[in-house]
Amino acid sequence: MTKPQSEHIPQEAFDWYDEYAHGLMDRRTFMKKLGGLAAIGFSMSVLTSALLPNYAMAEQVSFNDSDIKATYEEFASPTGHGTGKGYLVTPKNLTGNAPVVLVIHENRGLNPYVKDVARRLAKAGFVAFAPDALFPLGGYPGNDDEGRAMQRTMDREKIQNDFVAAANFLKSHPLSNGKLGAVGFCFGGYIVNYLAAVDSNLLSAGVPFYGTPASESLRKNIKAPLMIQLGELDKRVNATWPDYEESLKANNVEYTMHMYKNANHGFHNDSTGRYDEKNAELAWQRTLAFFNEKLS
């Protein structure tokens, strides 16, 4: 399926979408601003198709691909919401143990794009587990707007504890080789940074895509090597990077930061016009190489 053509859409439209997606602008204001662009010649249908997700475009690995096996698994989370649930994807012909990777969604629950990322990892030989923070409320509702609203009502500390529990569940899984990686996007990128900071022994490698750092008081605990993936046009998240880098240097953390030229926040998400195929593919190949190096 052809992805939306977004190269002629003004940058401010992407900035507005970022504000809308992160609760800094309500939907009515967002649509009103898009309407202003429509008034000067931009098609409203083109604008919305480029900015709002179409998950039919985000499937790179089919759920019934013969090389993988996908199931849903529950895990205990006593300091979180009691019980969590996620999407576990394993290589079909796995023999012995394998490196394991936690896949962490954005601020709207386990949507189809993030499940596909888990399948991509399994296709590459990893055991991948993608928890759904919305499971205590019935799970991802099939709609990002509803998912965002649901996640906003939840206790953030309990959500964080759910992801810590998920990380421990995956790390101790019978298929695990004992080395845990984590990759996350936006809110999920923050959670990767948080997992690295909250427990020095939890992660063996972390790849946060456009995620903000954990609180400064926790950063001294970071021991896992990190690969930081940032989009050049993502002003909101990039503003946090200099301070975070200073903390990583002060604590002698092994890290690499990649800044992707002309890339927006969400450039890896191939369900919207923010998707940048060239940069997304480069970032993903770097992610796989990093995990192969640190988790084997």
Protein backbone atom coordinates (compact mmCIF):
# COMPACT_ATOMS: atom_id res chain seq x y z
CA MET A 1 0.00 0.00 0.00
CA THR A 2 1.26 3.48 -0.84
CA LYS A 3 2.12 5.62 2.16
CA PRO A 4 0.82 9.19 2.46
CA GLN A 5 2.73 11.84 0.51
CA SER A 6 3.88 14.31 3.17
CA GLU A 7 6.86 16.09 1.67
CA HIS A 8 4.83 19.20 0.76
CA ILE A 9 2.96 19.51 4.04
CA PRO A 10 4.23 22.45 6.15
CA GLN A 11 6.40 21.52 9.12
CA GLU A 12 4.04 23.27 11.53
CA ALA A 13 1.40 20.64 10.77
CA PHE A 14 3.73 17.94 12.08
CA ASP A 15 4.53 20.09 15.11
CA TRP A 16 0.82 20.52 15.80
CA TYR A 17 0.30 16.76 15.53
CA ASP A 18 3.11 16.19 18.04
CA GLU A 19 1.45 18.61 20.47
CA TYR A 20 -1.92 16.94 19.91
CA ALA A 21 -0.52 13.42 20.32
CA HIS A 22 1.12 14.36 23.61
CA GLY A 23 -1.84 16.10 25.20
CA LEU A 24 -0.56 19.63 24.66
CA MET A 25 -3.38 20.44 22.24
CA ASP A 26 -6.93 19.09 22.10
CA ARG A 27 -8.36 17.49 18.98
CA ARG A 28 -10.69 20.41 18.26
CA THR A 29 -7.79 22.90 18.22
CA PHE A 30 -5.66 20.54 16.14
CA MET A 31 -8.36 20.10 13.50
CA LYS A 32 -9.04 23.85 13.51
CA LYS A 33 -5.38 24.55 12.78
CA LEU A 34 -5.39 21.98 9.97
CA GLY A 35 -8.50 23.72 8.66
CA GLY A 36 -6.47 26.89 8.40
CA LEU A 37 -4.04 25.12 6.08
CA ALA A 38 -6.96 23.73 4.10
CA ALA A 39 -8.18 27.31 3.61
CA ILE A 40 -4.94 28.21 1.83
CA GLY A 41 -4.96 25.29 -0.56
CA PHE A 42 -4.02 22.11 1.30
CA SER A 43 -6.54 19.27 1.00
CA MET A 44 -7.95 18.32 4.40
CA SER A 45 -8.05 14.66 3.34
CA VAL A 46 -4.36 14.76 2.38
CA LEU A 47 -3.46 16.44 5.67
CA THR A 48 -5.35 13.98 7.85
CA SER A 49 -4.22 10.91 5.89
CA ALA A 50 -0.60 12.00 6.27
CA LEU A 51 -0.77 12.89 9.95
CA LEU A 52 -3.23 10.43 11.49
CA PRO A 53 -2.25 6.75 11.67
CA ASN A 54 -3.36 4.15 9.16
CA TYR A 55 -2.23 0.85 10.64
CA ALA A 56 -2.92 -1.10 7.48
CA MET A 57 0.34 0.43 6.25
CA ALA A 58 2.40 -0.58 9.25
CA GLU A 59 2.58 -4.33 8.74
CA GLN A 60 6.02 -5.42 7.58
CA VAL A 61 5.80 -8.92 9.07
CA SER A 62 2.47 -10.73 8.93
CA PHE A 63 1.02 -12.10 12.17
CA ASN A 64 0.90 -15.52 10.48
CA ASP A 65 4.43 -15.40 9.05
CA SER A 66 5.77 -18.96 9.00
CA ASP A 67 9.06 -17.95 10.64
CA ILE A 68 7.52 -16.74 13.91
CA LYS A 69 5.07 -17.77 16.59
CA ALA A 70 2.95 -15.18 18.44
CA THR A 71 0.96 -15.61 21.66
CA TYR A 72 -0.41 -13.43 24.46
CA GLU A 73 1.07 -13.92 27.91
CA GLU A 74 0.14 -12.57 31.34
CA PHE A 75 2.64 -11.69 34.07
CA ALA A 76 2.44 -10.73 37.72
CA SER A 77 2.92 -7.07 38.62
CA PRO A 78 2.38 -6.80 42.40
CA THR A 79 3.52 -3.15 42.68
CA GLY A 80 1.78 -2.16 39.47
CA HIS A 81 -1.76 -3.08 38.45
CA GLY A 82 -1.52 -6.63 39.80
CA THR A 83 -1.42 -8.41 36.45
CA GLY A 84 -0.10 -7.35 33.06
CA LYS A 85 -0.43 -8.81 29.61
CA GLY A 86 1.61 -8.59 26.43
CA TYR A 87 2.30 -9.92 22.97
CA LEU A 88 5.08 -12.52 22.93
CA VAL A 89 6.70 -13.33 19.58
CA THR A 90 9.37 -15.99 19.17
CA PRO A 91 11.34 -17.36 16.22
CA LYS A 92 9.45 -20.47 15.04
CA ASN A 93 12.38 -22.87 14.96
CA LEU A 94 14.19 -21.58 18.02
CA THR A 95 16.48 -24.15 19.63
CA GLY A 96 17.94 -23.35 23.02
CA ASN A 97 17.95 -19.86 24.48
CA ALA A 98 17.95 -16.52 22.71
CA PRO A 99 18.41 -12.83 23.49
CA VAL A 100 15.18 -11.17 24.59
CA VAL A 101 13.90 -7.67 23.81
CA LEU A 102 11.10 -5.76 25.51
CA VAL A 103 9.15 -3.60 23.03
CA ILE A 104 7.46 -0.55 24.56
CA HIS A 105 4.62 1.33 22.92
CA GLU A 106 3.82 5.02 22.73
CA ASN A 107 1.33 6.81 25.00
CA ARG A 108 -1.72 5.04 23.58
CA GLY A 109 -1.41 1.32 24.27
CA LEU A 110 -0.29 -1.66 22.23
CA ASN A 111 -1.29 -0.61 18.73
CA PRO A 112 -0.68 -2.63 15.52
CA TYR A 113 2.55 -0.77 14.66
CA VAL A 114 4.23 -1.78 17.93
CA LYS A 115 3.06 -5.38 17.59
CA ASP A 116 4.63 -5.41 14.14
CA VAL A 117 7.91 -4.15 15.62
CA ALA A 118 7.85 -7.16 17.96
CA ARG A 119 7.34 -9.44 14.95
CA ARG A 120 10.26 -7.79 13.14
CA LEU A 121 12.49 -8.56 16.11
CA ALA A 122 11.39 -12.20 16.20
CA LYS A 123 12.01 -12.44 12.46
CA ALA A 124 15.56 -11.26 13.21
CA GLY A 125 16.08 -14.02 15.81
CA PHE A 126 15.10 -12.34 19.08
CA VAL A 127 12.38 -13.28 21.55
CA ALA A 128 10.25 -10.13 21.74
CA PHE A 129 7.60 -9.15 24.27
CA ALA A 130 5.36 -6.10 23.87
CA PRO A 131 3.26 -5.35 26.99
CA ASP A 132 0.05 -3.35 26.82
CA ALA A 133 -0.13 -0.70 29.54
CA LEU A 134 -3.88 -0.50 28.91
CA PHE A 135 -4.53 -4.14 29.84
CA PRO A 136 -6.00 -3.17 33.28
CA LEU A 137 -8.62 -1.12 31.39
CA GLY A 138 -9.37 -3.82 28.82
CA GLY A 139 -6.43 -3.28 26.49
CA TYR A 140 -5.75 -1.11 23.46
CA PRO A 141 -9.21 -0.06 22.20
CA GLY A 142 -8.40 -0.10 18.49
CA ASN A 143 -8.30 3.68 18.31
CA ASP A 144 -5.36 5.91 19.19
CA ASP A 145 -7.47 8.81 20.47
CA GLU A 146 -9.27 6.53 22.91
CA GLY A 147 -6.01 4.81 23.81
CA ARG A 148 -4.35 8.11 24.67
CA ALA A 149 -7.32 9.17 26.76
CA MET A 150 -7.32 5.84 28.60
CA GLN A 151 -3.60 5.90 29.34
CA ARG A 152 -3.87 9.48 30.62
CA THR A 153 -6.28 8.33 33.35
CA MET A 154 -3.89 5.71 34.70
CA ASP A 155 -1.43 6.00 37.58
CA ARG A 156 1.95 6.68 35.94
CA GLU A 157 3.96 5.06 38.74
CA LYS A 158 1.92 1.87 38.45
CA ILE A 159 2.44 1.85 34.68
CA GLN A 160 6.18 2.16 35.21
CA ASN A 161 6.09 -0.68 37.71
CA ASP A 162 4.16 -2.80 35.21
CA PHE A 163 6.97 -2.36 32.69
CA VAL A 164 9.58 -3.25 35.31
CA ALA A 165 7.56 -6.41 36.02
CA ALA A 166 7.32 -7.15 32.30
CA ALA A 167 11.08 -6.73 31.97
CA ASN A 168 11.71 -9.19 34.79
CA PHE A 169 9.15 -11.61 33.34
CA LEU A 170 10.91 -11.58 29.98
CA LYS A 171 14.44 -11.69 31.35
CA SER A 172 13.59 -14.83 33.37
CA HIS A 173 11.55 -16.47 30.60
CA PRO A 174 12.57 -20.09 29.84
CA LEU A 175 13.61 -19.03 26.32
CA SER A 176 15.80 -16.17 27.57
CA ASN A 177 19.58 -16.27 27.55
CA GLY A 178 19.49 -13.91 30.52
CA LYS A 179 20.36 -10.75 28.59
CA LEU A 180 17.56 -8.25 28.19
CA GLY A 181 17.30 -5.45 25.67
CA ALA A 182 14.58 -2.83 25.45
CA VAL A 183 13.40 -0.67 22.58
CA GLY A 184 10.65 1.92 22.88
CA PHE A 185 9.10 4.80 21.03
CA CYS A 186 8.12 8.21 22.44
CA PHE A 187 6.60 7.32 25.85
CA GLY A 188 8.20 3.92 25.28
CA GLY A 189 11.54 5.63 24.75
CA TYR A 190 11.12 7.28 28.13
CA ILE A 191 10.34 3.87 29.67
CA VAL A 192 13.56 2.43 28.16
CA ASN A 193 15.50 5.26 29.81
CA TYR A 194 13.58 4.65 33.04
CA LEU A 195 14.27 0.89 33.05
CA ALA A 196 17.97 1.57 32.58
CA ALA A 197 17.94 4.01 35.49
CA VAL A 198 15.62 2.36 38.02
CA ASP A 199 17.65 -0.87 38.27
CA SER A 200 21.28 -1.04 37.20
CA ASN A 201 21.10 -4.81 36.70
CA LEU A 202 17.92 -4.98 34.64
CA LEU A 203 18.95 -4.10 31.09
CA SER A 204 21.91 -5.26 29.05
CA ALA A 205 21.14 -2.74 26.28
CA GLY A 206 18.56 -0.04 25.61
CA VAL A 207 17.42 1.76 22.47
CA PRO A 208 15.09 4.68 23.19
CA PHE A 209 13.58 6.25 20.08
CA TYR A 210 12.82 9.94 20.75
CA GLY A 211 12.26 9.38 24.47
CA THR A 212 12.79 11.80 27.32
CA PRO A 213 15.20 10.82 30.13
CA ALA A 214 14.43 9.41 33.54
CA SER A 215 14.50 11.81 36.47
CA GLU A 216 17.94 13.19 37.26
CA SER A 217 18.02 11.49 40.67
CA LEU A 218 17.89 8.06 39.02
CA ARG A 219 20.41 8.58 36.23
CA LYS A 220 23.40 7.72 38.43
CA ASN A 221 22.17 4.09 38.38
CA ILE A 222 22.47 3.65 34.60
CA LYS A 223 24.97 0.93 33.64
CA ALA A 224 23.47 -0.50 30.44
CA PRO A 225 24.84 0.74 27.12
CA LEU A 226 22.36 2.95 25.29
CA MET A 227 21.73 3.82 21.66
CA ILE A 228 19.76 7.08 21.54
CA GLN A 229 17.70 7.65 18.37
CA LEU A 230 16.54 11.24 17.74
CA GLY A 231 14.88 13.09 14.88
CA GLU A 232 16.39 16.44 13.94
CA LEU A 233 13.02 18.23 13.81
CA ASP A 234 11.82 16.91 17.17
CA LYS A 235 12.38 20.10 19.19
CA ARG A 236 10.43 18.97 22.26
CA VAL A 237 12.46 15.81 22.95
CA ASN A 238 15.75 17.15 21.62
CA ALA A 239 15.62 19.97 24.17
CA THR A 240 16.15 17.35 26.90
CA TRP A 241 19.20 15.77 25.26
CA PRO A 242 22.07 18.10 26.35
CA ASP A 243 21.24 17.65 30.03
CA TYR A 244 20.78 13.89 29.60
CA GLU A 245 24.07 13.57 27.76
CA GLU A 246 25.82 15.44 30.54
CA SER A 247 24.45 12.91 33.05
CA LEU A 248 25.54 9.95 30.90
CA LYS A 249 29.04 11.35 30.57
CA ALA A 250 29.28 12.13 34.29
CA ASN A 251 28.34 8.53 35.10
CA ASN A 252 30.61 6.97 32.45
CA VAL A 253 27.70 5.33 30.63
CA GLU A 254 28.46 3.79 27.26
CA TYR A 255 26.19 5.52 24.78
CA THR A 256 25.79 6.49 21.16
CA MET A 257 23.40 9.18 19.93
CA HIS A 258 22.19 9.26 16.34
CA MET A 259 20.47 12.40 15.09
CA TYR A 260 18.49 11.73 11.90
CA LYS A 261 18.51 14.64 9.48
CA ASN A 262 15.13 16.23 8.63
CA ALA A 263 13.32 13.54 10.65
CA ASN A 264 10.28 14.27 12.80
CA HIS A 265 9.28 12.82 16.13
CA GLY A 266 7.82 9.42 15.27
CA PHE A 267 9.92 8.97 12.12
CA HIS A 268 10.12 5.21 12.65
CA ASN A 269 6.34 4.79 12.78
CA ASP A 270 5.35 3.71 9.28
CA SER A 271 1.63 4.28 9.80
CA THR A 272 1.76 8.07 9.37
CA GLY A 273 3.29 10.72 7.16
CA ARG A 274 5.96 11.37 9.80
CA TYR A 275 7.54 8.13 8.63
CA ASP A 276 10.93 8.62 7.02
CA GLU A 277 11.74 5.36 5.27
CA LYS A 278 15.46 5.96 4.74
CA ASN A 279 16.13 7.15 8.28
CA ALA A 280 13.80 4.56 9.82
CA GLU A 281 15.55 1.70 8.04
CA LEU A 282 18.98 3.01 9.02
CA ALA A 283 17.88 3.40 12.64
CA TRP A 284 16.41 -0.10 12.66
CA GLN A 285 19.50 -1.75 11.20
CA ARG A 286 21.60 0.06 13.81
CA THR A 287 19.20 -1.17 16.51
CA LEU A 288 19.48 -4.80 15.39
CA ALA A 289 23.28 -4.61 15.16
CA PHE A 290 23.43 -3.06 18.64
CA PHE A 291 21.26 -5.78 20.14
CA ASN A 292 23.22 -8.52 18.36
CA GLU A 293 26.42 -7.11 19.81
CA LYS A 294 25.22 -6.49 23.38
CA LEU A 295 22.80 -9.38 23.92
CA SER A 296 24.51 -12.37 22.35
